Amino acid sequence: MYQFSRSMYRELVPDVVPCKGETAAVTRQRFLRACEQSMERLALDRHYFAHPVRTLFNDVRCFFPIEDQVRVYEVCARHMTLAIEYVDSQLRQGVTFDGSPVSCHASTRKGTACQRVPLPGSRYCPSHKHLEDDFEVAA
């Protein structure tokens, strides 16, 4: 996942303006850390990361001058969209970004995470399929 954040960093780092009281290197490190944290959250917590582009842009916009922020948003949107497509393709194949199998999103009665494999096209296993958001209305 870091290839997406590093690519975005390489594209935008020449425009980073040092924050008040910081050296340019420290500001660039903070910018890189913000990019990597958002990509890490996207990879680990995809279903609960509602607006990844907006979140990333709000985290990094303070590192750029006002006149460059439209371009910064477009670059963030492009790279984040590619990362979202990659994560979604991995989830459709039944594996997470690190190669481990996808597990059910529900928790057991004991409060631990369910370890079963979800049904194809669903986030839940057969035992928890009743938790799916899309209920079919009986005719």
N, C-alpha and C. Protein backbone atom coordinates (compact mmCIF):
# COMPACT_ATOMS: atom_id res chain seq x y z
N MET A 1 0.81 -1.20 0.00
CA MET A 1 0.00 0.00 0.00
C MET A 1 0.86 1.26 0.00
N TYR A 2 2.07 1.12 0.49
CA TYR A 2 2.90 2.31 0.58
C TYR A 2 3.33 2.85 -0.78
N GLN A 3 3.21 2.04 -1.85
CA GLN A 3 3.57 2.57 -3.16
C GLN A 3 2.64 3.72 -3.55
N PHE A 4 1.38 3.67 -3.10
CA PHE A 4 0.44 4.76 -3.40
C PHE A 4 0.81 6.03 -2.63
N SER A 5 1.13 5.88 -1.35
CA SER A 5 1.46 7.06 -0.55
C SER A 5 2.80 7.64 -0.98
N ARG A 6 3.76 6.79 -1.31
CA ARG A 6 5.07 7.29 -1.76
C ARG A 6 4.97 7.98 -3.10
N SER A 7 4.14 7.47 -3.98
CA SER A 7 3.95 8.10 -5.28
C SER A 7 3.33 9.49 -5.12
N MET A 8 2.33 9.58 -4.25
CA MET A 8 1.71 10.88 -3.99
C MET A 8 2.71 11.83 -3.34
N TYR A 9 3.50 11.32 -2.42
CA TYR A 9 4.52 12.14 -1.76
C TYR A 9 5.52 12.68 -2.78
N ARG A 10 6.01 11.82 -3.66
CA ARG A 10 6.99 12.27 -4.66
C ARG A 10 6.41 13.33 -5.59
N GLU A 11 5.12 13.23 -5.88
CA GLU A 11 4.51 14.19 -6.79
C GLU A 11 4.28 15.55 -6.13
N LEU A 12 3.99 15.54 -4.83
CA LEU A 12 3.62 16.79 -4.16
C LEU A 12 4.72 17.42 -3.31
N VAL A 13 5.76 16.69 -2.98
CA VAL A 13 6.76 17.20 -2.04
C VAL A 13 7.47 18.48 -2.51
N PRO A 14 7.67 18.72 -3.80
CA PRO A 14 8.32 19.98 -4.18
C PRO A 14 7.52 21.23 -3.79
N ASP A 15 6.20 21.08 -3.61
CA ASP A 15 5.35 22.22 -3.30
C ASP A 15 5.11 22.42 -1.81
N VAL A 16 5.66 21.55 -0.97
CA VAL A 16 5.45 21.66 0.47
C VAL A 16 6.14 22.90 1.01
N VAL A 17 5.40 23.69 1.79
CA VAL A 17 5.95 24.90 2.40
C VAL A 17 6.23 24.59 3.87
N PRO A 18 7.44 24.87 4.35
CA PRO A 18 7.74 24.58 5.76
C PRO A 18 6.82 25.34 6.70
N CYS A 19 6.36 24.63 7.73
CA CYS A 19 5.49 25.26 8.73
C CYS A 19 6.32 26.20 9.61
N LYS A 20 5.65 27.09 10.26
CA LYS A 20 6.31 28.07 11.11
C LYS A 20 7.07 27.36 12.24
N GLY A 21 8.35 27.66 12.38
CA GLY A 21 9.16 27.09 13.44
C GLY A 21 9.70 25.70 13.12
N GLU A 22 9.52 25.21 11.90
CA GLU A 22 10.02 23.89 11.50
C GLU A 22 10.95 24.01 10.31
N THR A 23 11.82 23.05 10.19
CA THR A 23 12.65 22.98 8.99
C THR A 23 11.84 22.31 7.89
N ALA A 24 12.30 22.44 6.67
CA ALA A 24 11.60 21.82 5.54
C ALA A 24 11.59 20.30 5.68
N ALA A 25 12.65 19.73 6.20
CA ALA A 25 12.71 18.27 6.36
C ALA A 25 11.67 17.76 7.34
N VAL A 26 11.46 18.46 8.43
CA VAL A 26 10.46 18.04 9.43
C VAL A 26 9.06 18.13 8.85
N THR A 27 8.78 19.20 8.12
CA THR A 27 7.46 19.36 7.50
C THR A 27 7.22 18.27 6.46
N ARG A 28 8.23 17.94 5.69
CA ARG A 28 8.09 16.87 4.70
C ARG A 28 7.88 15.52 5.37
N GLN A 29 8.52 15.28 6.49
CA GLN A 29 8.30 14.03 7.23
C GLN A 29 6.87 13.96 7.74
N ARG A 30 6.35 15.07 8.24
CA ARG A 30 4.96 15.09 8.71
C ARG A 30 3.99 14.85 7.55
N PHE A 31 4.29 15.40 6.39
CA PHE A 31 3.46 15.18 5.20
C PHE A 31 3.49 13.71 4.80
N LEU A 32 4.66 13.10 4.76
CA LEU A 32 4.78 11.69 4.41
C LEU A 32 4.04 10.81 5.42
N ARG A 33 4.17 11.13 6.71
CA ARG A 33 3.49 10.35 7.74
C ARG A 33 1.97 10.43 7.58
N ALA A 34 1.45 11.60 7.23
CA ALA A 34 0.01 11.75 7.02
C ALA A 34 -0.46 10.91 5.82
N CYS A 35 0.32 10.91 4.75
CA CYS A 35 -0.02 10.10 3.58
C CYS A 35 -0.02 8.61 3.92
N GLU A 36 1.01 8.17 4.62
CA GLU A 36 1.12 6.75 4.96
C GLU A 36 0.05 6.31 5.96
N GLN A 37 -0.31 7.17 6.90
CA GLN A 37 -1.34 6.81 7.87
C GLN A 37 -2.71 6.65 7.20
N SER A 38 -3.01 7.50 6.24
CA SER A 38 -4.30 7.36 5.57
C SER A 38 -4.35 6.11 4.71
N MET A 39 -3.24 5.76 4.06
CA MET A 39 -3.20 4.53 3.26
C MET A 39 -3.27 3.30 4.17
N GLU A 40 -2.63 3.38 5.31
CA GLU A 40 -2.67 2.26 6.25
C GLU A 40 -4.09 2.06 6.78
N ARG A 41 -4.77 3.16 7.10
CA ARG A 41 -6.14 3.05 7.57
C ARG A 41 -7.05 2.50 6.48
N LEU A 42 -6.82 2.91 5.25
CA LEU A 42 -7.61 2.40 4.13
C LEU A 42 -7.42 0.89 4.00
N ALA A 43 -6.20 0.43 4.15
CA ALA A 43 -5.92 -0.99 4.00
C ALA A 43 -6.46 -1.81 5.16
N LEU A 44 -6.35 -1.30 6.36
CA LEU A 44 -6.74 -2.08 7.55
C LEU A 44 -8.21 -1.92 7.92
N ASP A 45 -8.82 -0.80 7.56
CA ASP A 45 -10.16 -0.50 8.03
C ASP A 45 -11.03 0.02 6.90
N ARG A 46 -11.02 -0.67 5.76
CA ARG A 46 -11.66 -0.19 4.54
C ARG A 46 -13.15 0.10 4.73
N HIS A 47 -13.87 -0.77 5.42
CA HIS A 47 -15.32 -0.62 5.51
C HIS A 47 -15.75 0.53 6.42
N TYR A 48 -14.88 0.99 7.28
CA TYR A 48 -15.24 2.04 8.22
C TYR A 48 -14.50 3.34 7.96
N PHE A 49 -13.94 3.48 6.78
CA PHE A 49 -13.24 4.69 6.38
C PHE A 49 -14.12 5.37 5.33
N ALA A 50 -15.06 6.20 5.79
CA ALA A 50 -16.14 6.70 4.94
C ALA A 50 -15.66 7.61 3.80
N HIS A 51 -14.85 8.61 4.11
CA HIS A 51 -14.43 9.59 3.10
C HIS A 51 -12.91 9.69 3.09
N PRO A 52 -12.22 8.72 2.49
CA PRO A 52 -10.76 8.73 2.57
C PRO A 52 -10.10 9.91 1.86
N VAL A 53 -10.66 10.35 0.73
CA VAL A 53 -10.05 11.47 0.01
C VAL A 53 -10.16 12.75 0.83
N ARG A 54 -11.34 12.99 1.37
CA ARG A 54 -11.56 14.19 2.18
C ARG A 54 -10.68 14.19 3.43
N THR A 55 -10.58 13.03 4.07
CA THR A 55 -9.76 12.91 5.27
C THR A 55 -8.30 13.18 4.96
N LEU A 56 -7.79 12.57 3.91
CA LEU A 56 -6.39 12.78 3.53
C LEU A 56 -6.14 14.24 3.18
N PHE A 57 -7.02 14.84 2.39
CA PHE A 57 -6.82 16.24 2.01
C PHE A 57 -6.84 17.15 3.22
N ASN A 58 -7.76 16.92 4.15
CA ASN A 58 -7.80 17.75 5.36
C ASN A 58 -6.55 17.58 6.21
N ASP A 59 -5.93 16.40 6.17
CA ASP A 59 -4.71 16.17 6.93
C ASP A 59 -3.49 16.86 6.32
N VAL A 60 -3.46 16.99 4.99
CA VAL A 60 -2.25 17.50 4.33
C VAL A 60 -2.38 18.92 3.79
N ARG A 61 -3.56 19.48 3.80
CA ARG A 61 -3.74 20.79 3.17
C ARG A 61 -2.94 21.90 3.85
N CYS A 62 -2.62 21.74 5.12
CA CYS A 62 -1.88 22.77 5.85
C CYS A 62 -0.42 22.86 5.39
N PHE A 63 0.06 21.89 4.63
CA PHE A 63 1.45 21.89 4.17
C PHE A 63 1.64 22.62 2.84
N PHE A 64 0.55 23.14 2.26
CA PHE A 64 0.63 23.74 0.93
C PHE A 64 0.02 25.14 0.94
N PRO A 65 0.49 26.01 0.04
CA PRO A 65 -0.12 27.34 -0.06
C PRO A 65 -1.54 27.24 -0.63
N ILE A 66 -2.33 28.25 -0.38
CA ILE A 66 -3.73 28.27 -0.79
C ILE A 66 -3.88 28.06 -2.29
N GLU A 67 -3.05 28.69 -3.08
CA GLU A 67 -3.21 28.62 -4.53
C GLU A 67 -2.92 27.23 -5.11
N ASP A 68 -2.25 26.35 -4.36
CA ASP A 68 -1.95 24.99 -4.84
C ASP A 68 -2.94 23.95 -4.35
N GLN A 69 -3.90 24.32 -3.54
CA GLN A 69 -4.73 23.31 -2.89
C GLN A 69 -5.70 22.60 -3.81
N VAL A 70 -6.10 23.21 -4.90
CA VAL A 70 -6.96 22.51 -5.86
C VAL A 70 -6.18 21.37 -6.50
N ARG A 71 -4.96 21.64 -6.89
CA ARG A 71 -4.11 20.59 -7.48
C ARG A 71 -3.80 19.51 -6.46
N VAL A 72 -3.57 19.90 -5.21
CA VAL A 72 -3.29 18.93 -4.15
C VAL A 72 -4.49 18.01 -3.96
N TYR A 73 -5.70 18.57 -3.97
CA TYR A 73 -6.89 17.75 -3.83
C TYR A 73 -7.02 16.77 -4.99
N GLU A 74 -6.76 17.24 -6.20
CA GLU A 74 -6.86 16.36 -7.37
C GLU A 74 -5.85 15.22 -7.30
N VAL A 75 -4.63 15.52 -6.86
CA VAL A 75 -3.61 14.47 -6.73
C VAL A 75 -4.01 13.48 -5.64
N CYS A 76 -4.49 13.99 -4.51
CA CYS A 76 -4.95 13.11 -3.43
C CYS A 76 -6.09 12.22 -3.91
N ALA A 77 -7.04 12.80 -4.63
CA ALA A 77 -8.18 12.03 -5.13
C ALA A 77 -7.74 10.95 -6.10
N ARG A 78 -6.81 11.28 -6.99
CA ARG A 78 -6.35 10.31 -7.98
C ARG A 78 -5.64 9.13 -7.32
N HIS A 79 -4.73 9.43 -6.42
CA HIS A 79 -3.97 8.35 -5.77
C HIS A 79 -4.85 7.54 -4.81
N MET A 80 -5.74 8.20 -4.10
CA MET A 80 -6.61 7.48 -3.18
C MET A 80 -7.61 6.61 -3.94
N THR A 81 -8.09 7.08 -5.09
CA THR A 81 -9.00 6.27 -5.91
C THR A 81 -8.31 5.00 -6.40
N LEU A 82 -7.07 5.13 -6.82
CA LEU A 82 -6.31 3.95 -7.24
C LEU A 82 -6.12 2.98 -6.07
N ALA A 83 -5.82 3.50 -4.90
CA ALA A 83 -5.64 2.65 -3.73
C ALA A 83 -6.95 1.96 -3.34
N ILE A 84 -8.06 2.68 -3.42
CA ILE A 84 -9.37 2.09 -3.11
C ILE A 84 -9.69 0.96 -4.08
N GLU A 85 -9.43 1.18 -5.37
CA GLU A 85 -9.67 0.13 -6.36
C GLU A 85 -8.81 -1.09 -6.09
N TYR A 86 -7.56 -0.88 -5.69
CA TYR A 86 -6.67 -2.00 -5.39
C TYR A 86 -7.17 -2.79 -4.17
N VAL A 87 -7.54 -2.08 -3.11
CA VAL A 87 -8.02 -2.75 -1.89
C VAL A 87 -9.32 -3.50 -2.19
N ASP A 88 -10.23 -2.89 -2.94
CA ASP A 88 -11.49 -3.55 -3.27
C ASP A 88 -11.26 -4.79 -4.13
N SER A 89 -10.32 -4.73 -5.05
CA SER A 89 -10.03 -5.91 -5.88
C SER A 89 -9.46 -7.04 -5.03
N GLN A 90 -8.64 -6.71 -4.07
CA GLN A 90 -8.10 -7.74 -3.17
C GLN A 90 -9.21 -8.35 -2.33
N LEU A 91 -10.13 -7.54 -1.84
CA LEU A 91 -11.23 -8.05 -1.03
C LEU A 91 -12.16 -8.94 -1.85
N ARG A 92 -12.38 -8.60 -3.13
CA ARG A 92 -13.21 -9.43 -4.00
C ARG A 92 -12.58 -10.79 -4.24
N GLN A 93 -11.25 -10.85 -4.22
CA GLN A 93 -10.55 -12.12 -4.41
C GLN A 93 -10.52 -12.94 -3.13
N GLY A 94 -10.97 -12.38 -2.03
CA GLY A 94 -11.03 -13.12 -0.78
C GLY A 94 -9.78 -13.02 0.07
N VAL A 95 -8.91 -12.08 -0.24
CA VAL A 95 -7.71 -11.88 0.56
C VAL A 95 -7.58 -10.41 0.91
N THR A 96 -6.91 -10.13 2.02
CA THR A 96 -6.64 -8.75 2.39
C THR A 96 -5.38 -8.29 1.68
N PHE A 97 -5.00 -7.05 1.89
CA PHE A 97 -3.84 -6.50 1.18
C PHE A 97 -2.54 -7.21 1.53
N ASP A 98 -2.47 -7.85 2.69
CA ASP A 98 -1.23 -8.55 3.09
C ASP A 98 -1.26 -10.03 2.76
N GLY A 99 -2.32 -10.51 2.08
CA GLY A 99 -2.38 -11.89 1.65
C GLY A 99 -3.14 -12.83 2.58
N SER A 100 -3.56 -12.35 3.74
CA SER A 100 -4.31 -13.21 4.65
C SER A 100 -5.77 -13.29 4.18
N PRO A 101 -6.46 -14.39 4.48
CA PRO A 101 -7.85 -14.51 4.03
C PRO A 101 -8.77 -13.52 4.73
N VAL A 102 -9.80 -13.11 4.04
CA VAL A 102 -10.78 -12.18 4.60
C VAL A 102 -11.59 -12.93 5.65
N SER A 103 -11.91 -12.26 6.75
CA SER A 103 -12.73 -12.88 7.78
C SER A 103 -14.03 -12.10 7.94
N CYS A 104 -14.98 -12.74 8.58
CA CYS A 104 -16.31 -12.17 8.81
C CYS A 104 -16.19 -10.89 9.65
N HIS A 105 -17.07 -9.92 9.42
CA HIS A 105 -17.02 -8.65 10.13
C HIS A 105 -17.78 -8.67 11.45
N ALA A 106 -18.45 -9.74 11.74
CA ALA A 106 -19.25 -9.82 12.96
C ALA A 106 -18.39 -10.27 14.14
N SER A 107 -18.97 -10.19 15.32
CA SER A 107 -18.30 -10.70 16.51
C SER A 107 -19.13 -11.83 17.10
N THR A 108 -18.48 -12.70 17.84
CA THR A 108 -19.16 -13.84 18.44
C THR A 108 -19.86 -13.41 19.73
N ARG A 109 -20.55 -14.36 20.36
CA ARG A 109 -21.24 -14.06 21.61
C ARG A 109 -20.26 -13.71 22.72
N LYS A 110 -19.07 -14.23 22.63
CA LYS A 110 -18.04 -13.94 23.64
C LYS A 110 -17.39 -12.57 23.42
N GLY A 111 -17.69 -11.95 22.29
CA GLY A 111 -17.13 -10.63 22.01
C GLY A 111 -15.87 -10.65 21.18
N THR A 112 -15.42 -11.82 20.76
CA THR A 112 -14.24 -11.91 19.91
C THR A 112 -14.65 -11.82 18.45
N ALA A 113 -13.72 -11.50 17.60
CA ALA A 113 -14.02 -11.39 16.17
C ALA A 113 -14.27 -12.77 15.57
N CYS A 114 -15.26 -12.86 14.72
CA CYS A 114 -15.57 -14.11 14.02
C CYS A 114 -14.44 -14.40 13.04
N GLN A 115 -13.99 -15.64 13.00
CA GLN A 115 -12.85 -16.02 12.17
C GLN A 115 -13.27 -16.74 10.88
N ARG A 116 -14.57 -16.91 10.66
CA ARG A 116 -15.03 -17.65 9.49
C ARG A 116 -14.90 -16.82 8.22
N VAL A 117 -14.85 -17.52 7.10
CA VAL A 117 -14.74 -16.87 5.79
C VAL A 117 -16.12 -16.39 5.37
N PRO A 118 -16.25 -15.14 4.92
CA PRO A 118 -17.56 -14.64 4.51
C PRO A 118 -18.06 -15.29 3.23
N LEU A 119 -19.35 -15.18 3.02
CA LEU A 119 -19.96 -15.66 1.79
C LEU A 119 -19.49 -14.81 0.62
N PRO A 120 -19.46 -15.37 -0.59
CA PRO A 120 -19.06 -14.57 -1.75
C PRO A 120 -19.98 -13.37 -1.93
N GLY A 121 -19.40 -12.20 -2.08
CA GLY A 121 -20.16 -10.97 -2.27
C GLY A 121 -20.75 -10.40 -1.00
N SER A 122 -20.34 -10.92 0.15
CA SER A 122 -20.87 -10.46 1.42
C SER A 122 -19.73 -10.21 2.38
N ARG A 123 -20.01 -9.47 3.45
CA ARG A 123 -19.00 -9.24 4.48
C ARG A 123 -19.16 -10.21 5.63
N TYR A 124 -20.21 -11.05 5.59
CA TYR A 124 -20.52 -11.92 6.71
C TYR A 124 -20.53 -13.38 6.31
N CYS A 125 -20.24 -14.24 7.28
CA CYS A 125 -20.24 -15.68 7.10
C CYS A 125 -21.69 -16.19 7.13
N PRO A 126 -21.90 -17.48 6.85
CA PRO A 126 -23.27 -18.00 6.89
C PRO A 126 -23.96 -17.82 8.24
N SER A 127 -23.23 -17.86 9.33
CA SER A 127 -23.85 -17.70 10.65
C SER A 127 -24.31 -16.27 10.91
N HIS A 128 -23.66 -15.31 10.27
CA HIS A 128 -23.98 -13.90 10.52
C HIS A 128 -24.60 -13.21 9.31
N LYS A 129 -25.06 -13.97 8.33
CA LYS A 129 -25.58 -13.35 7.11
C LYS A 129 -26.82 -12.49 7.37
N HIS A 130 -27.48 -12.71 8.51
CA HIS A 130 -28.65 -11.90 8.84
C HIS A 130 -28.28 -10.46 9.19
N LEU A 131 -26.99 -10.18 9.37
CA LEU A 131 -26.53 -8.83 9.69
C LEU A 131 -26.30 -7.97 8.45
N GLU A 132 -26.41 -8.58 7.28
CA GLU A 132 -26.17 -7.86 6.03
C GLU A 132 -27.14 -6.68 5.91
N ASP A 133 -26.65 -5.57 5.39
CA ASP A 133 -27.44 -4.34 5.28
C ASP A 133 -28.60 -4.47 4.29
N ASP A 134 -28.39 -5.25 3.24
CA ASP A 134 -29.37 -5.34 2.17
C ASP A 134 -30.40 -6.43 2.46
N PHE A 135 -31.49 -6.04 3.09
CA PHE A 135 -32.56 -6.99 3.38
C PHE A 135 -33.50 -7.02 2.18
N GLU A 136 -33.94 -8.21 1.82
CA GLU A 136 -34.90 -8.34 0.74
C GLU A 136 -36.30 -8.23 1.35
N VAL A 137 -37.11 -7.41 0.76
CA VAL A 137 -38.47 -7.21 1.25
C VAL A 137 -39.34 -8.36 0.74
N ALA A 138 -40.05 -8.99 1.65
CA ALA A 138 -40.93 -10.09 1.26
C ALA A 138 -42.12 -9.54 0.50
N ALA A 139 -42.46 -10.21 -0.57
CA ALA A 139 -43.57 -9.75 -1.40
C ALA A 139 -44.91 -10.06 -0.75
